[in-house]
C-alpha atoms as a PDB file:
ATOM      1  CA  UNK A   1     108.866  94.768  67.215  1.00  0.00           C
ATOM      2  CA  UNK A   2     110.474  94.019  70.981  1.00  0.00           C
ATOM      3  CA  UNK A   3     114.101  93.020  70.424  1.00  0.00           C
ATOM      4  CA  UNK A   4     115.750  90.785  72.905  1.00  0.00           C
ATOM      5  CA  UNK A   5     119.502  90.940  74.711  1.00  0.00           C
ATOM      6  CA  UNK A   6     121.778  91.677  72.155  1.00  0.00           C
ATOM      7  CA  UNK A   7     125.013  89.570  72.846  1.00  0.00           C
ATOM      8  CA  UNK A   8     128.227  91.236  70.601  1.00  0.00           C
ATOM      9  CA  UNK A   9     130.273  89.163  68.555  1.00  0.00           C
ATOM     10  CA  UNK A  10     133.777  90.520  68.116  1.00  0.00           C
ATOM     11  CA  UNK A  11     136.350  89.156  65.612  1.00  0.00           C
ATOM     12  CA  UNK A  12     139.291  91.452  64.667  1.00  0.00           C
ATOM     13  CA  UNK A  13     139.063  89.578  60.845  1.00  0.00           C
ATOM     14  CA  UNK A  14     135.587  90.195  60.420  1.00  0.00           C
ATOM     15  CA  UNK A  15     132.984  92.977  60.892  1.00  0.00           C
ATOM     16  CA  UNK A  16     131.403  93.109  64.408  1.00  0.00           C
ATOM     17  CA  UNK A  17     128.275  91.521  64.645  1.00  0.00           C
ATOM     18  CA  UNK A  18     125.321  91.680  67.149  1.00  0.00           C
ATOM     19  CA  UNK A  19     122.584  88.831  66.955  1.00  0.00           C
ATOM     20  CA  UNK A  20     118.830  90.162  68.892  1.00  0.00           C
ATOM     21  CA  UNK A  21     116.337  87.300  69.069  1.00  0.00           C
ATOM     22  CA  UNK A  22     113.114  87.852  69.182  1.00  0.00           C
ATOM     23  CA  UNK A  23     111.361  84.707  70.489  1.00  0.00           C
ATOM     24  CA  UNK A  24     107.974  85.603  68.373  1.00  0.00           C
ATOM     25  CA  UNK A  25     109.248  86.425  65.312  1.00  0.00           C
ATOM     26  CA  UNK A  26     112.918  85.341  65.187  1.00  0.00           C
ATOM     27  CA  UNK A  27     116.718  86.418  64.995  1.00  0.00           C
ATOM     28  CA  UNK A  28     117.853  89.330  63.896  1.00  0.00           C
ATOM     29  CA  UNK A  29     121.116  90.495  63.150  1.00  0.00           C
ATOM     30  CA  UNK A  30     123.122  94.165  62.776  1.00  0.00           C
ATOM     31  CA  UNK A  31     126.565  94.885  61.723  1.00  0.00           C
ATOM     32  CA  UNK A  32     129.302  97.476  62.072  1.00  0.00           C
ATOM     33  CA  UNK A  33     133.068  97.991  61.370  1.00  0.00           C
ATOM     34  CA  UNK A  34     133.333  99.811  64.129  1.00  0.00           C
ATOM     35  CA  UNK A  35     131.915  98.111  67.702  1.00  0.00           C
ATOM     36  CA  UNK A  36     131.003 101.899  69.301  1.00  0.00           C
ATOM     37  CA  UNK A  37     128.639 101.978  65.860  1.00  0.00           C
ATOM     38  CA  UNK A  38     127.200 103.166  63.340  1.00  0.00           C
ATOM     39  CA  UNK A  39     124.947  99.857  63.100  1.00  0.00           C
ATOM     40  CA  UNK A  40     123.117  98.703  60.706  1.00  0.00           C
ATOM     41  CA  UNK A  41     119.422  98.323  60.804  1.00  0.00           C
ATOM     42  CA  UNK A  42     118.229  94.587  62.052  1.00  0.00           C
ATOM     43  CA  UNK A  43     117.618  92.382  59.747  1.00  0.00           C
ATOM     44  CA  UNK A  44     115.832  89.382  59.811  1.00  0.00           C
ATOM     45  CA  UNK A  45     118.284  86.074  59.172  1.00  0.00           C
ATOM     46  CA  UNK A  46     116.580  83.291  61.037  1.00  0.00           C
ATOM     47  CA  UNK A  47     112.550  83.369  60.991  1.00  0.00           C
ATOM     48  CA  UNK A  48     110.599  81.114  63.477  1.00  0.00           C
ATOM     49  CA  UNK A  49     108.969  81.202  66.808  1.00  0.00           C
ATOM     50  CA  UNK A  50     111.156  80.200  70.017  1.00  0.00           C
ATOM     51  CA  UNK A  51     114.280  80.655  68.423  1.00  0.00           C
ATOM     52  CA  UNK A  52     116.892  81.799  71.544  1.00  0.00           C
ATOM     53  CA  UNK A  53     120.495  81.753  72.469  1.00  0.00           C
ATOM     54  CA  UNK A  54     121.609  82.431  68.386  1.00  0.00           C
ATOM     55  CA  UNK A  55     125.281  82.127  68.196  1.00  0.00           C
ATOM     56  CA  UNK A  56     127.371  82.743  64.488  1.00  0.00           C
ATOM     57  CA  UNK A  57     130.139  80.025  63.884  1.00  0.00           C
ATOM     58  CA  UNK A  58     132.909  80.501  61.662  1.00  0.00           C
ATOM     59  CA  UNK A  59     134.174  77.553  60.404  1.00  0.00           C
ATOM     60  CA  UNK A  60     138.043  76.896  59.370  1.00  0.00           C
ATOM     61  CA  UNK A  61     137.156  76.463  55.821  1.00  0.00           C
ATOM     62  CA  UNK A  62     135.083  80.290  55.964  1.00  0.00           C
ATOM     63  CA  UNK A  63     131.609  78.525  56.279  1.00  0.00           C
ATOM     64  CA  UNK A  64     129.283  80.602  58.727  1.00  0.00           C
ATOM     65  CA  UNK A  65     126.710  78.652  60.400  1.00  0.00           C
ATOM     66  CA  UNK A  66     123.813  80.252  62.898  1.00  0.00           C
ATOM     67  CA  UNK A  67     123.254  78.163  65.882  1.00  0.00           C
ATOM     68  CA  UNK A  68     120.568  78.883  68.522  1.00  0.00           C
ATOM     69  CA  UNK A  69     118.651  76.752  70.932  1.00  0.00           C
END
């Protein structure tokens, strides 16, 4: 499985995440408590072809959304 470019998302109040889009399979997410690692194994969070540019969004009420192109 070839992974796309991961864009790290760091928030001091949450775990650090990186999303890894694969246009053939979907969007994978990895996480770590320290940006230097260790990082978890990739988890498929949104299956589908052509999903690109993922970005988690944390709302003020605590809800989390995954937006993508």
